[in-house]
Amino acid sequence: MSIKVSVVEKKVTEIVNQYNLDEYYINESYGSVKRFNQLVNGDELKNGEVPIPVFLSEIRPNNIIKTPEKPIKDNLIIEAGYIQH
C-alpha cells in the first residue's frame, strides 16, 4: 500500500514536497502507520525514533510544488502534514 505525505516548507518561497511512501518502510522505521501519523501531528519522539525531516530526507519527493517568492519571518515551518490512504 502506498501512503501519500505532503510537507510544506516556508522559506523565501513556499515549497510543498509530496511523497508516496511504502507502508512497509514506515512500519520498519516507526512500528506502524498510526504511530507515524501521531508524529506528523506533533507527538514527541520516543527513544530511537528518527525525526520526520531526517526520515523524509532519505526519500526523493515524487512531486515538488513551488509558489512565487514572498517575505516570511521564519526559516522553516511545517505548516501542515497529512496522510492519505
N, C-alpha and C. Protein backbone atom coordinates (compact mmCIF):
# COMPACT_ATOMS: atom_id res chain seq x y z
N MET A 1 0.84 -1.18 0.00
CA MET A 1 0.00 0.00 0.00
C MET A 1 0.89 1.23 0.00
N SER A 2 0.54 2.22 -0.76
CA SER A 2 1.27 3.47 -0.83
C SER A 2 0.56 4.53 0.01
N ILE A 3 1.32 5.31 0.71
CA ILE A 3 0.77 6.36 1.57
C ILE A 3 1.31 7.70 1.09
N LYS A 4 0.44 8.66 0.87
CA LYS A 4 0.84 9.98 0.38
C LYS A 4 1.05 10.92 1.56
N VAL A 5 2.20 11.58 1.59
CA VAL A 5 2.51 12.55 2.63
C VAL A 5 2.90 13.85 1.97
N SER A 6 2.36 14.97 2.42
CA SER A 6 2.73 16.29 1.92
C SER A 6 3.33 17.10 3.06
N VAL A 7 4.46 17.75 2.79
CA VAL A 7 5.14 18.58 3.77
C VAL A 7 5.30 19.97 3.18
N VAL A 8 4.92 21.00 3.94
CA VAL A 8 5.03 22.38 3.48
C VAL A 8 6.20 23.04 4.17
N GLU A 9 7.16 23.55 3.38
CA GLU A 9 8.28 24.33 3.91
C GLU A 9 8.07 25.78 3.53
N LYS A 10 8.24 26.68 4.47
CA LYS A 10 8.13 28.10 4.17
C LYS A 10 9.50 28.73 4.34
N LYS A 11 10.08 29.11 3.22
CA LYS A 11 11.35 29.84 3.23
C LYS A 11 11.06 31.13 2.49
N VAL A 12 11.88 31.51 1.53
CA VAL A 12 11.55 32.67 0.70
C VAL A 12 10.39 32.30 -0.22
N THR A 13 10.39 31.06 -0.66
CA THR A 13 9.24 30.56 -1.42
C THR A 13 8.59 29.45 -0.60
N GLU A 14 7.35 29.20 -0.86
CA GLU A 14 6.68 28.08 -0.19
C GLU A 14 6.86 26.85 -1.07
N ILE A 15 7.35 25.78 -0.46
CA ILE A 15 7.61 24.55 -1.20
C ILE A 15 6.80 23.43 -0.57
N VAL A 16 6.05 22.73 -1.39
CA VAL A 16 5.29 21.57 -0.93
C VAL A 16 5.94 20.34 -1.54
N ASN A 17 6.49 19.49 -0.68
CA ASN A 17 7.06 18.23 -1.14
C ASN A 17 6.03 17.13 -0.90
N GLN A 18 5.70 16.41 -1.93
CA GLN A 18 4.74 15.31 -1.81
C GLN A 18 5.47 13.99 -2.01
N TYR A 19 5.26 13.07 -1.08
CA TYR A 19 5.92 11.77 -1.09
C TYR A 19 4.89 10.66 -1.18
N ASN A 20 5.20 9.62 -1.91
CA ASN A 20 4.43 8.38 -1.84
C ASN A 20 5.30 7.38 -1.10
N LEU A 21 4.92 7.04 0.12
CA LEU A 21 5.73 6.18 0.97
C LEU A 21 5.14 4.78 1.02
N ASP A 22 6.01 3.82 1.06
CA ASP A 22 5.60 2.43 1.19
C ASP A 22 5.27 2.14 2.65
N GLU A 23 4.15 1.51 2.90
CA GLU A 23 3.72 1.21 4.27
C GLU A 23 4.77 0.37 5.01
N TYR A 24 5.41 -0.55 4.30
CA TYR A 24 6.44 -1.40 4.92
C TYR A 24 7.59 -0.55 5.46
N TYR A 25 8.02 0.46 4.70
CA TYR A 25 9.12 1.33 5.11
C TYR A 25 8.75 2.14 6.35
N ILE A 26 7.50 2.61 6.41
CA ILE A 26 7.04 3.34 7.60
C ILE A 26 7.00 2.40 8.80
N ASN A 27 6.47 1.20 8.61
CA ASN A 27 6.40 0.23 9.71
C ASN A 27 7.79 -0.13 10.23
N GLU A 28 8.76 -0.26 9.32
CA GLU A 28 10.14 -0.58 9.73
C GLU A 28 10.74 0.56 10.57
N SER A 29 10.41 1.80 10.23
CA SER A 29 11.00 2.95 10.90
C SER A 29 10.25 3.38 12.17
N TYR A 30 8.92 3.23 12.18
CA TYR A 30 8.12 3.75 13.28
C TYR A 30 7.21 2.73 13.95
N GLY A 31 7.15 1.53 13.45
CA GLY A 31 6.33 0.49 14.07
C GLY A 31 4.94 0.37 13.47
N SER A 32 4.38 1.49 13.05
CA SER A 32 3.05 1.46 12.43
C SER A 32 2.75 2.78 11.75
N VAL A 33 1.80 2.75 10.83
CA VAL A 33 1.35 3.98 10.17
C VAL A 33 0.67 4.87 11.20
N LYS A 34 -0.03 4.27 12.17
CA LYS A 34 -0.70 5.05 13.22
C LYS A 34 0.32 5.86 14.00
N ARG A 35 1.45 5.25 14.36
CA ARG A 35 2.49 5.97 15.11
C ARG A 35 3.10 7.08 14.25
N PHE A 36 3.33 6.80 12.97
CA PHE A 36 3.86 7.81 12.06
C PHE A 36 2.91 9.00 11.98
N ASN A 37 1.61 8.73 11.89
CA ASN A 37 0.61 9.79 11.83
C ASN A 37 0.61 10.62 13.12
N GLN A 38 0.83 9.99 14.27
CA GLN A 38 0.91 10.72 15.54
C GLN A 38 2.09 11.69 15.52
N LEU A 39 3.22 11.25 14.97
CA LEU A 39 4.39 12.12 14.90
C LEU A 39 4.16 13.28 13.94
N VAL A 40 3.50 13.01 12.81
CA VAL A 40 3.17 14.07 11.86
C VAL A 40 2.29 15.11 12.53
N ASN A 41 1.42 14.68 13.44
CA ASN A 41 0.51 15.60 14.13
C ASN A 41 1.10 16.18 15.41
N GLY A 42 2.40 15.99 15.65
CA GLY A 42 3.05 16.71 16.74
C GLY A 42 3.43 15.92 17.97
N ASP A 43 3.20 14.61 18.02
CA ASP A 43 3.63 13.83 19.18
C ASP A 43 5.14 13.87 19.32
N GLU A 44 5.61 13.74 20.56
CA GLU A 44 7.06 13.73 20.81
C GLU A 44 7.65 12.39 20.40
N LEU A 45 8.91 12.44 19.98
CA LEU A 45 9.62 11.22 19.59
C LEU A 45 9.88 10.35 20.80
N LYS A 46 9.78 9.05 20.61
CA LYS A 46 10.17 8.09 21.64
C LYS A 46 11.62 7.71 21.40
N ASN A 47 12.20 6.99 22.32
CA ASN A 47 13.59 6.57 22.21
C ASN A 47 13.82 5.79 20.92
N GLY A 48 14.79 6.23 20.12
CA GLY A 48 15.15 5.50 18.90
C GLY A 48 14.37 5.89 17.66
N GLU A 49 13.34 6.72 17.78
CA GLU A 49 12.59 7.15 16.61
C GLU A 49 13.32 8.30 15.90
N VAL A 50 13.34 8.24 14.60
CA VAL A 50 14.03 9.25 13.79
C VAL A 50 13.09 10.43 13.54
N PRO A 51 13.58 11.67 13.67
CA PRO A 51 12.72 12.82 13.34
C PRO A 51 12.21 12.73 11.90
N ILE A 52 10.98 13.19 11.69
CA ILE A 52 10.34 13.10 10.38
C ILE A 52 11.20 13.75 9.27
N PRO A 53 11.77 14.96 9.49
CA PRO A 53 12.59 15.56 8.41
C PRO A 53 13.79 14.68 8.03
N VAL A 54 14.38 14.01 9.00
CA VAL A 54 15.51 13.11 8.71
C VAL A 54 15.01 11.90 7.91
N PHE A 55 13.88 11.35 8.32
CA PHE A 55 13.27 10.21 7.62
C PHE A 55 12.97 10.57 6.17
N LEU A 56 12.36 11.74 5.95
CA LEU A 56 11.98 12.14 4.60
C LEU A 56 13.19 12.55 3.76
N SER A 57 14.28 12.99 4.39
CA SER A 57 15.46 13.42 3.63
C SER A 57 16.09 12.26 2.87
N GLU A 58 15.80 11.03 3.28
CA GLU A 58 16.33 9.85 2.60
C GLU A 58 15.48 9.43 1.41
N ILE A 59 14.34 10.09 1.23
CA ILE A 59 13.38 9.72 0.19
C ILE A 59 13.22 10.90 -0.77
N ARG A 60 13.23 10.60 -2.04
CA ARG A 60 13.04 11.67 -3.03
C ARG A 60 11.55 11.95 -3.19
N PRO A 61 11.14 13.23 -3.09
CA PRO A 61 9.71 13.53 -3.30
C PRO A 61 9.31 13.22 -4.74
N ASN A 62 8.08 12.75 -4.90
CA ASN A 62 7.60 12.47 -6.25
C ASN A 62 7.02 13.71 -6.91
N ASN A 63 6.78 14.75 -6.13
CA ASN A 63 6.23 16.00 -6.67
C ASN A 63 6.69 17.15 -5.79
N ILE A 64 7.19 18.21 -6.40
CA ILE A 64 7.62 19.41 -5.67
C ILE A 64 6.89 20.61 -6.27
N ILE A 65 6.13 21.31 -5.43
CA ILE A 65 5.36 22.47 -5.89
C ILE A 65 5.95 23.71 -5.23
N LYS A 66 6.32 24.71 -6.04
CA LYS A 66 6.89 25.96 -5.52
C LYS A 66 5.96 27.11 -5.84
N THR A 67 5.80 28.02 -4.89
CA THR A 67 4.99 29.21 -5.11
C THR A 67 5.92 30.41 -5.32
N PRO A 68 5.42 31.51 -5.85
CA PRO A 68 6.26 32.70 -6.03
C PRO A 68 6.84 33.19 -4.71
N GLU A 69 7.96 33.90 -4.80
CA GLU A 69 8.63 34.41 -3.60
C GLU A 69 7.73 35.36 -2.82
N LYS A 70 7.87 35.29 -1.48
CA LYS A 70 7.14 36.20 -0.59
C LYS A 70 7.91 36.30 0.72
N PRO A 71 7.83 37.43 1.41
CA PRO A 71 8.58 37.57 2.65
C PRO A 71 7.95 36.78 3.79
N ILE A 72 8.78 36.11 4.58
CA ILE A 72 8.30 35.43 5.79
C ILE A 72 9.30 35.66 6.91
N LYS A 73 8.92 35.37 8.14
CA LYS A 73 9.77 35.65 9.30
C LYS A 73 10.66 34.48 9.67
N ASP A 74 10.17 33.25 9.54
CA ASP A 74 10.92 32.08 9.99
C ASP A 74 11.55 31.34 8.81
N ASN A 75 12.61 30.58 9.11
CA ASN A 75 13.27 29.81 8.06
C ASN A 75 12.49 28.58 7.65
N LEU A 76 11.92 27.86 8.63
CA LEU A 76 11.22 26.62 8.30
C LEU A 76 10.03 26.43 9.22
N ILE A 77 8.90 26.22 8.61
CA ILE A 77 7.68 25.88 9.36
C ILE A 77 7.03 24.72 8.64
N ILE A 78 6.77 23.64 9.37
CA ILE A 78 5.94 22.58 8.80
C ILE A 78 4.51 22.95 9.20
N GLU A 79 3.81 23.54 8.23
CA GLU A 79 2.50 24.12 8.50
C GLU A 79 1.43 23.05 8.61
N ALA A 80 1.52 22.05 7.77
CA ALA A 80 0.50 21.01 7.80
C ALA A 80 1.09 19.73 7.28
N GLY A 81 0.65 18.64 7.85
CA GLY A 81 1.04 17.33 7.36
C GLY A 81 -0.18 16.43 7.41
N TYR A 82 -0.31 15.58 6.45
CA TYR A 82 -1.43 14.67 6.49
C TYR A 82 -1.06 13.38 5.79
N ILE A 83 -1.77 12.36 6.12
CA ILE A 83 -1.59 11.07 5.49
C ILE A 83 -2.89 10.73 4.77
N GLN A 84 -2.75 10.34 3.51
CA GLN A 84 -3.92 9.97 2.72
C GLN A 84 -3.76 8.52 2.30
N HIS A 85 -4.72 7.66 2.64
CA HIS A 85 -4.65 6.23 2.29
C HIS A 85 -5.32 6.00 0.96
